[in-house]
Amino acid sequence: MVAQIVTILATPLLTRLYSPEQFGVLAIFLAVVLIIGSIINARYELAIMLPESESEARHVVFLCLLIACIISVLIFILIIVIPRNWYEATPLIQLGNYLYFIPLVTMSIGFFNAFNYYSSRKENYALISYANISKSLSTISSQGAFSTVSFSNSGLIFGYCVGAIFSCFFFFKAGIKFELTSIDKLKSVAYKYRKFPQYSMWAILANSLSVNLLNLVIGSIYSLSTLGFYSLLQRVLGMPIAILGTSIGQVFYKEIVKEKKLTGKGDVIFVKTAINLVIISVLAFIPVYFFLPKLFGIVFGENWIIAGEYAQILVPLFALRFVTSALTLTNSAFEKQNISFYWQIILLLLSMTLVFFSYTFNVEFINFLKVYNAVISFHYIVLLLILFLVSKGKL
């Protein structure tokens, strides 16, 4: 909560230091980074919680770090090899030399994921909290500082890079360890938990594409300023997920794994967590719904009122997304990654189909958001029902 409150308090300052177009460029950078970052460990980070043996868990951590390094190096090679003029027809041309920062940031995400889940396994939630706080403070302070220098157009991106790298150093400083006793042991854990790269990796990639590819497309078919408005509403409406959803998800995953080991099911903790998430969602979203445009204007500046109008449309979708964000780990706990994969593929197809029709028929962005909210909200309701059935062992 502290980590996210720092971001919340700093956002009104940043919206006055940077324009919607500059936030749009940051959204393009984040879209690429988060798409790659979603699979940077091949989803083996989720397997860190599962081994009974501490040694086996540390081998999984090492496997995660190794995969993150390999993928990041391959991305760096691709950036060097691909001719720059190939980017001219895509939003990536807006990033310029900051393309070279992508591999470093994605590798940092991979390291952070591995250490984060290992700390959760050890129930060292304080360390996770301190790492997130350090990430937020270093990101915000860097973004604020770089707004005053000659390369202020890149300040938002550079500040994000600083925060991503600094958060990993915090875990190293805390003495997080990993081990490798033999290559055979590493191969053994990679094979044992192979369902994560086989199913979960592609599912989370589809999910990341459905969210972040949408940002790239918005930047292409509408404008950078429209993307900037959209990225701010994502940050604001995503605050409940950022503040509580991720933390609740980590604890929920630990508890549902425990319940599964004891009873073979996980519906008790599922229902309890779902009820709590619905209550929090109602308290977080309903009171501000009618005042969002005015609130955006007061808090972030008059230039951002339109972002509040966009946010008002998407409140139902983000309320549902908050409820499901933690509960989706049910599939991982029950090793039902194939269900996640199929559901995410459908989500991606729905998102891209809506974008395609909006582009083809020249639909205004605000009308696109209304249709997108209705279709994707229904899709999340279906997901909740599926997750409940998985927790009861019926799927």
Protein backbone atom coordinates (compact mmCIF):
# COMPACT_ATOMS: atom_id res chain seq x y z
CA MET A 1 0.00 0.00 0.00
CA VAL A 2 2.80 2.39 0.89
CA ALA A 3 4.53 1.68 -2.43
CA GLN A 4 1.40 2.47 -4.41
CA ILE A 5 0.46 5.49 -2.30
CA VAL A 6 3.81 7.02 -3.27
CA THR A 7 2.85 6.57 -6.93
CA ILE A 8 -0.66 7.93 -6.34
CA LEU A 9 0.61 11.07 -4.61
CA ALA A 10 3.23 11.70 -7.27
CA THR A 11 0.95 11.24 -10.30
CA PRO A 12 -0.71 14.72 -10.05
CA LEU A 13 2.77 16.24 -10.07
CA LEU A 14 3.88 14.19 -13.07
CA THR A 15 0.74 15.10 -15.07
CA ARG A 16 1.72 18.73 -14.64
CA LEU A 17 5.36 18.12 -15.60
CA TYR A 18 4.63 15.94 -18.63
CA SER A 19 2.06 16.18 -21.43
CA PRO A 20 -0.50 13.54 -22.51
CA GLU A 21 1.71 12.88 -25.57
CA GLN A 22 4.71 12.13 -23.31
CA PHE A 23 2.59 9.77 -21.24
CA GLY A 24 1.60 8.18 -24.55
CA VAL A 25 5.26 7.51 -25.40
CA LEU A 26 5.76 5.97 -21.94
CA ALA A 27 2.71 3.76 -22.57
CA ILE A 28 4.31 2.47 -25.79
CA PHE A 29 7.54 1.62 -23.92
CA LEU A 30 5.61 -0.08 -21.10
CA ALA A 31 3.48 -2.03 -23.57
CA VAL A 32 6.58 -3.64 -25.09
CA VAL A 33 8.28 -4.17 -21.72
CA LEU A 34 5.21 -5.71 -20.07
CA ILE A 35 4.48 -8.03 -23.00
CA ILE A 36 8.03 -9.42 -22.84
CA GLY A 37 8.13 -9.22 -19.04
CA SER A 38 5.04 -11.39 -18.72
CA ILE A 39 6.98 -14.38 -20.08
CA ILE A 40 10.52 -13.43 -19.11
CA ASN A 41 10.72 -16.38 -16.67
CA ALA A 42 8.64 -18.71 -18.86
CA ARG A 43 6.22 -18.58 -15.88
CA TYR A 44 8.45 -20.85 -13.81
CA GLU A 45 8.22 -18.21 -11.05
CA LEU A 46 4.79 -19.66 -10.19
CA ALA A 47 6.44 -23.04 -9.53
CA ILE A 48 8.65 -21.59 -6.78
CA MET A 49 5.79 -21.99 -4.29
CA LEU A 50 5.13 -25.67 -5.03
CA PRO A 51 8.20 -27.80 -4.04
CA GLU A 52 8.29 -29.45 -0.63
CA SER A 53 12.09 -29.31 -0.71
CA GLU A 54 13.83 -25.98 -0.10
CA SER A 55 16.69 -27.05 -2.36
CA GLU A 56 14.29 -27.75 -5.21
CA ALA A 57 12.65 -24.36 -4.76
CA ARG A 58 16.02 -22.62 -5.00
CA HIS A 59 16.79 -24.51 -8.19
CA VAL A 60 13.55 -23.18 -9.64
CA VAL A 61 14.67 -19.66 -8.66
CA PHE A 62 17.98 -20.22 -10.45
CA LEU A 63 16.09 -21.52 -13.50
CA CYS A 64 13.99 -18.34 -13.53
CA LEU A 65 17.08 -16.12 -13.42
CA LEU A 66 18.79 -18.10 -16.18
CA ILE A 67 15.77 -17.92 -18.50
CA ALA A 68 15.42 -14.16 -17.87
CA CYS A 69 19.05 -13.60 -18.86
CA ILE A 70 18.77 -15.72 -22.02
CA ILE A 71 15.57 -14.05 -23.25
CA SER A 72 16.90 -10.54 -22.52
CA VAL A 73 20.13 -11.21 -24.45
CA LEU A 74 18.12 -12.52 -27.42
CA ILE A 75 15.95 -9.39 -27.38
CA PHE A 76 19.04 -7.17 -27.32
CA ILE A 77 20.44 -9.01 -30.35
CA LEU A 78 17.14 -8.57 -32.20
CA ILE A 79 17.11 -4.83 -31.49
CA ILE A 80 20.61 -4.51 -32.91
CA VAL A 81 19.96 -6.68 -35.96
CA ILE A 82 16.56 -5.30 -37.04
CA PRO A 83 17.02 -2.23 -39.29
CA ARG A 84 15.71 0.98 -37.70
CA ASN A 85 13.57 1.84 -40.74
CA TRP A 86 11.46 -1.25 -40.01
CA TYR A 87 10.09 0.57 -36.97
CA GLU A 88 8.86 3.57 -38.96
CA ALA A 89 5.43 2.05 -39.64
CA THR A 90 4.96 1.19 -35.94
CA PRO A 91 4.63 3.18 -32.69
CA LEU A 92 8.09 1.85 -31.69
CA ILE A 93 9.69 4.61 -33.75
CA GLN A 94 8.66 6.99 -30.95
CA LEU A 95 11.07 5.27 -28.53
CA GLY A 96 14.27 6.09 -30.40
CA ASN A 97 17.38 4.91 -28.55
CA TYR A 98 15.29 3.85 -25.56
CA LEU A 99 14.70 0.61 -27.44
CA TYR A 100 18.09 -0.47 -26.07
CA PHE A 101 16.78 -0.17 -22.51
CA ILE A 102 14.08 -2.79 -23.10
CA PRO A 103 16.31 -5.88 -22.51
CA LEU A 104 17.74 -4.44 -19.29
CA VAL A 105 14.30 -3.63 -17.90
CA THR A 106 12.81 -7.01 -18.88
CA MET A 107 15.71 -8.82 -17.22
CA SER A 108 15.10 -6.75 -14.08
CA ILE A 109 11.45 -7.78 -14.16
CA GLY A 110 12.51 -11.43 -14.41
CA PHE A 111 14.84 -11.15 -11.41
CA PHE A 112 12.19 -9.28 -9.42
CA ASN A 113 9.56 -11.95 -10.18
CA ALA A 114 11.81 -14.79 -9.03
CA PHE A 115 12.86 -13.10 -5.79
CA ASN A 116 9.32 -11.88 -5.16
CA TYR A 117 7.79 -15.37 -5.32
CA TYR A 118 10.64 -16.89 -3.32
CA SER A 119 10.10 -14.28 -0.60
CA SER A 120 6.38 -15.08 -0.67
CA ARG A 121 7.20 -18.78 -0.26
CA LYS A 122 9.25 -17.86 2.82
CA GLU A 123 6.37 -15.61 3.98
CA ASN A 124 8.80 -12.70 4.04
CA TYR A 125 6.17 -10.18 3.04
CA ALA A 126 8.05 -7.31 4.69
CA LEU A 127 10.94 -7.75 2.24
CA ILE A 128 8.51 -7.69 -0.68
CA SER A 129 6.98 -4.51 0.69
CA TYR A 130 10.34 -2.77 1.12
CA ALA A 131 11.39 -3.77 -2.40
CA ASN A 132 8.17 -2.33 -3.86
CA ILE A 133 8.54 0.86 -1.84
CA SER A 134 12.12 1.32 -3.06
CA LYS A 135 10.95 0.74 -6.63
CA SER A 136 8.21 3.37 -6.36
CA LEU A 137 10.42 5.95 -4.67
CA SER A 138 13.29 5.56 -7.13
CA THR A 139 10.93 5.63 -10.13
CA ILE A 140 9.00 8.72 -9.07
CA SER A 141 12.03 10.68 -7.87
CA SER A 142 13.88 9.93 -11.12
CA GLN A 143 10.91 10.90 -13.28
CA GLY A 144 10.52 14.15 -11.37
CA ALA A 145 14.23 14.97 -11.54
CA PHE A 146 14.60 14.22 -15.25
CA SER A 147 11.66 16.48 -16.15
CA THR A 148 13.90 19.50 -15.55
CA VAL A 149 16.81 18.48 -17.78
CA SER A 150 17.36 18.64 -21.52
CA PHE A 151 16.03 15.13 -22.25
CA SER A 152 12.77 15.66 -20.34
CA ASN A 153 10.83 14.04 -23.21
CA SER A 154 12.41 10.75 -22.13
CA GLY A 155 12.23 11.43 -18.38
CA LEU A 156 9.23 9.19 -17.76
CA ILE A 157 10.91 6.26 -19.51
CA PHE A 158 14.31 6.77 -17.91
CA GLY A 159 12.75 7.05 -14.46
CA TYR A 160 10.88 3.78 -14.96
CA CYS A 161 14.15 2.07 -15.95
CA VAL A 162 15.87 3.33 -12.81
CA GLY A 163 13.05 2.00 -10.60
CA ALA A 164 12.99 -1.44 -12.26
CA ILE A 165 16.74 -1.91 -11.81
CA PHE A 166 16.88 -0.51 -8.28
CA SER A 167 14.18 -2.89 -7.00
CA CYS A 168 16.35 -5.90 -7.91
CA PHE A 169 19.36 -4.51 -6.08
CA PHE A 170 17.21 -4.33 -2.96
CA PHE A 171 16.64 -8.10 -3.02
CA PHE A 172 20.34 -8.73 -3.60
CA LYS A 173 21.19 -6.48 -0.68
CA ALA A 174 18.75 -8.41 1.52
CA GLY A 175 20.73 -11.59 0.87
CA ILE A 176 18.29 -13.61 -1.26
CA LYS A 177 20.15 -16.77 -2.26
CA PHE A 178 19.79 -19.37 -4.95
CA GLU A 179 21.76 -22.51 -5.68
CA LEU A 180 22.74 -24.88 -8.46
CA THR A 181 24.04 -28.27 -7.35
CA SER A 182 23.99 -29.84 -10.80
CA ILE A 183 22.76 -29.33 -14.34
CA ASP A 184 20.76 -32.55 -14.00
CA LYS A 185 18.85 -31.12 -11.02
CA LEU A 186 18.10 -27.99 -13.04
CA LYS A 187 16.82 -30.09 -15.93
CA SER A 188 14.76 -32.12 -13.47
CA VAL A 189 12.85 -29.13 -12.06
CA ALA A 190 12.43 -27.68 -15.56
CA TYR A 191 10.77 -30.91 -16.68
CA LYS A 192 8.76 -31.42 -13.51
CA TYR A 193 7.08 -28.03 -13.80
CA ARG A 194 6.94 -27.98 -17.60
CA LYS A 195 3.21 -27.20 -17.63
CA PHE A 196 4.00 -23.61 -16.68
CA PRO A 197 5.88 -22.81 -19.92
CA GLN A 198 3.63 -25.14 -21.91
CA TYR A 199 0.34 -23.54 -20.86
CA SER A 200 0.63 -20.72 -18.33
CA MET A 201 3.30 -18.85 -20.32
CA TRP A 202 1.14 -18.67 -23.42
CA ALA A 203 -1.93 -17.79 -21.36
CA ILE A 204 -0.23 -14.85 -19.65
CA LEU A 205 1.28 -13.76 -22.98
CA ALA A 206 -2.20 -13.71 -24.50
CA ASN A 207 -3.44 -11.70 -21.51
CA SER A 208 -0.56 -9.26 -21.74
CA LEU A 209 -1.08 -8.88 -25.48
CA SER A 210 -4.81 -8.23 -25.02
CA VAL A 211 -4.01 -5.34 -22.66
CA ASN A 212 -0.71 -3.96 -23.95
CA LEU A 213 -1.11 -4.61 -27.66
CA LEU A 214 -4.28 -2.56 -27.31
CA ASN A 215 -2.12 0.35 -26.12
CA LEU A 216 0.13 0.03 -29.16
CA VAL A 217 -2.87 -0.06 -31.49
CA ILE A 218 -4.50 2.97 -29.82
CA GLY A 219 -1.26 4.89 -30.32
CA SER A 220 -1.30 3.92 -34.00
CA ILE A 221 -4.92 4.40 -35.08
CA TYR A 222 -5.88 7.29 -32.79
CA SER A 223 -3.12 9.52 -31.37
CA LEU A 224 -0.38 9.71 -28.74
CA SER A 225 -2.47 12.11 -26.66
CA THR A 226 -5.43 9.68 -26.73
CA LEU A 227 -3.08 6.92 -25.62
CA GLY A 228 -1.79 9.23 -22.88
CA PHE A 229 -5.33 9.80 -21.57
CA TYR A 230 -6.03 6.06 -21.73
CA SER A 231 -2.78 5.19 -19.93
CA LEU A 232 -3.63 7.57 -17.08
CA LEU A 233 -7.09 6.08 -16.57
CA GLN A 234 -5.46 2.62 -16.54
CA ARG A 235 -3.13 3.80 -13.79
CA VAL A 236 -5.92 5.38 -11.74
CA LEU A 237 -8.57 2.65 -12.12
CA GLY A 238 -5.89 0.04 -11.68
CA MET A 239 -4.89 1.46 -8.28
CA PRO A 240 -7.04 -0.98 -6.25
CA ILE A 241 -5.36 -3.85 -8.11
CA ALA A 242 -1.93 -2.32 -7.60
CA ILE A 243 -2.52 -1.46 -3.94
CA LEU A 244 -4.31 -4.60 -2.78
CA GLY A 245 -4.95 -7.01 -5.66
CA THR A 246 -1.38 -8.18 -6.15
CA SER A 247 -0.71 -8.54 -2.42
CA ILE A 248 -3.99 -10.37 -1.83
CA GLY A 249 -3.17 -12.59 -4.78
CA GLN A 250 0.19 -13.64 -3.33
CA VAL A 251 -1.35 -14.57 0.02
CA PHE A 252 -4.36 -16.21 -1.67
CA TYR A 253 -2.05 -18.36 -3.79
CA LYS A 254 -0.17 -19.51 -0.69
CA GLU A 255 -3.42 -20.34 1.15
CA ILE A 256 -5.20 -22.10 -1.71
CA VAL A 257 -2.13 -24.31 -2.23
CA LYS A 258 -2.30 -25.18 1.49
CA GLU A 259 -6.02 -26.01 1.29
CA LYS A 260 -5.50 -28.10 -1.82
CA LYS A 261 -2.80 -30.16 -0.07
CA LEU A 262 -5.11 -30.78 2.91
CA THR A 263 -8.49 -31.37 1.22
CA GLY A 264 -7.88 -31.64 -2.51
CA LYS A 265 -10.09 -28.56 -3.03
CA GLY A 266 -9.78 -24.80 -2.58
CA ASP A 267 -13.35 -23.53 -2.66
CA VAL A 268 -13.42 -22.36 0.98
CA ILE A 269 -10.58 -19.86 0.61
CA PHE A 270 -11.82 -19.02 -2.91
CA VAL A 271 -15.30 -17.98 -1.75
CA LYS A 272 -13.93 -16.12 1.27
CA THR A 273 -11.44 -14.18 -0.84
CA ALA A 274 -14.02 -13.51 -3.59
CA ILE A 275 -16.49 -12.00 -1.08
CA ASN A 276 -13.80 -9.76 0.39
CA LEU A 277 -12.70 -8.64 -3.08
CA VAL A 278 -16.27 -7.80 -4.12
CA ILE A 279 -16.75 -5.68 -0.98
CA ILE A 280 -13.48 -3.83 -1.57
CA SER A 281 -14.34 -3.35 -5.25
CA VAL A 282 -17.73 -1.81 -4.45
CA LEU A 283 -16.22 0.51 -1.84
CA ALA A 284 -13.40 1.54 -4.17
CA PHE A 285 -15.28 2.17 -7.42
CA ILE A 286 -18.93 3.10 -6.72
CA PRO A 287 -18.37 6.27 -4.62
CA VAL A 288 -16.19 7.94 -7.28
CA TYR A 289 -18.06 6.85 -10.41
CA PHE A 290 -20.20 9.99 -10.87
CA PHE A 291 -17.37 12.41 -10.11
CA LEU A 292 -14.51 10.96 -12.17
CA PRO A 293 -14.29 13.68 -14.90
CA LYS A 294 -14.32 16.47 -12.31
CA LEU A 295 -11.87 14.60 -10.06
CA PHE A 296 -9.43 14.08 -12.92
CA GLY A 297 -9.56 17.79 -13.71
CA ILE A 298 -8.95 18.81 -10.09
CA VAL A 299 -6.29 16.23 -9.26
CA PHE A 300 -4.35 15.95 -12.53
CA GLY A 301 -5.08 19.28 -14.19
CA GLU A 302 -7.72 20.53 -16.63
CA ASN A 303 -5.87 18.97 -19.57
CA TRP A 304 -6.79 15.53 -18.19
CA ILE A 305 -10.59 15.90 -17.82
CA ILE A 306 -11.14 13.78 -20.93
CA ALA A 307 -9.24 10.94 -19.26
CA GLY A 308 -11.84 11.08 -16.48
CA GLU A 309 -14.64 10.74 -19.03
CA TYR A 310 -12.93 7.67 -20.48
CA ALA A 311 -12.42 6.27 -16.97
CA GLN A 312 -16.12 6.62 -16.14
CA ILE A 313 -16.98 4.30 -19.02
CA LEU A 314 -14.55 1.59 -17.92
CA VAL A 315 -15.38 1.50 -14.18
CA PRO A 316 -17.42 -1.77 -14.42
CA LEU A 317 -14.61 -3.54 -16.28
CA PHE A 318 -11.93 -2.49 -13.80
CA ALA A 319 -14.16 -3.42 -10.85
CA LEU A 320 -14.51 -6.95 -12.27
CA ARG A 321 -10.82 -7.09 -13.14
CA PHE A 322 -9.95 -6.25 -9.53
CA VAL A 323 -12.07 -9.14 -8.24
CA THR A 324 -10.58 -11.65 -10.67
CA SER A 325 -6.95 -10.46 -10.52
CA ALA A 326 -6.11 -12.48 -7.41
CA LEU A 327 -8.48 -15.37 -8.06
CA THR A 328 -6.93 -16.24 -11.43
CA LEU A 329 -4.09 -17.89 -9.51
CA THR A 330 -6.56 -20.70 -8.78
CA ASN A 331 -5.67 -22.22 -12.14
CA SER A 332 -1.96 -22.23 -11.27
CA ALA A 333 -2.60 -23.78 -7.84
CA PHE A 334 -4.56 -26.62 -9.45
CA GLU A 335 -2.19 -26.82 -12.44
CA LYS A 336 -5.02 -25.97 -14.83
CA GLN A 337 -2.85 -23.74 -16.99
CA ASN A 338 -4.63 -25.02 -20.10
CA ILE A 339 -7.87 -23.36 -18.94
CA SER A 340 -6.03 -20.05 -18.46
CA PHE A 341 -4.52 -20.42 -21.90
CA TYR A 342 -7.84 -20.92 -23.72
CA TRP A 343 -9.56 -18.14 -21.77
CA GLN A 344 -6.74 -15.66 -22.47
CA ILE A 345 -6.66 -16.53 -26.15
CA ILE A 346 -10.38 -15.74 -26.37
CA LEU A 347 -9.75 -12.45 -24.50
CA LEU A 348 -7.03 -11.51 -26.98
CA LEU A 349 -9.21 -12.38 -29.97
CA LEU A 350 -12.13 -10.38 -28.58
CA SER A 351 -9.93 -7.32 -27.92
CA MET A 352 -8.31 -7.36 -31.36
CA THR A 353 -11.66 -7.99 -33.09
CA LEU A 354 -13.15 -4.93 -31.39
CA VAL A 355 -10.15 -2.83 -32.38
CA PHE A 356 -10.33 -4.09 -35.97
CA PHE A 357 -14.01 -3.14 -36.33
CA SER A 358 -13.40 0.24 -34.69
CA TYR A 359 -10.61 0.97 -37.17
CA THR A 360 -12.55 -0.38 -40.17
CA PHE A 361 -15.70 1.61 -39.45
CA ASN A 362 -13.88 4.69 -38.12
CA VAL A 363 -15.51 4.43 -34.68
CA GLU A 364 -14.79 7.27 -32.27
CA PHE A 365 -12.61 6.28 -29.34
CA ILE A 366 -15.29 6.95 -26.72
CA ASN A 367 -17.74 4.64 -28.52
CA PHE A 368 -15.06 1.99 -28.85
CA LEU A 369 -14.59 2.12 -25.05
CA LYS A 370 -18.31 1.58 -24.44
CA VAL A 371 -18.42 -1.56 -26.57
CA TYR A 372 -15.10 -2.79 -25.17
CA ASN A 373 -16.37 -2.36 -21.60
CA ALA A 374 -19.56 -4.37 -22.23
CA VAL A 375 -17.93 -7.27 -24.08
CA ILE A 376 -14.84 -7.73 -21.90
CA SER A 377 -16.82 -7.30 -18.64
CA PHE A 378 -19.03 -10.23 -19.62
CA HIS A 379 -15.92 -12.24 -20.43
CA TYR A 380 -14.60 -11.66 -16.88
CA ILE A 381 -17.90 -12.80 -15.36
CA VAL A 382 -17.54 -16.08 -17.25
CA LEU A 383 -13.98 -16.38 -15.90
CA LEU A 384 -15.19 -16.07 -12.30
CA LEU A 385 -17.60 -18.97 -12.78
CA ILE A 386 -14.86 -21.11 -14.34
CA LEU A 387 -12.44 -20.36 -11.49
CA PHE A 388 -15.04 -21.35 -8.90
CA LEU A 389 -15.56 -24.69 -10.60
CA VAL A 390 -11.80 -25.25 -10.67
CA SER A 391 -11.55 -24.50 -6.93
CA LYS A 392 -14.23 -27.16 -6.24
CA GLY A 393 -12.33 -29.69 -8.34
CA LYS A 394 -15.06 -29.90 -10.97
CA LEU A 395 -12.88 -28.80 -13.88
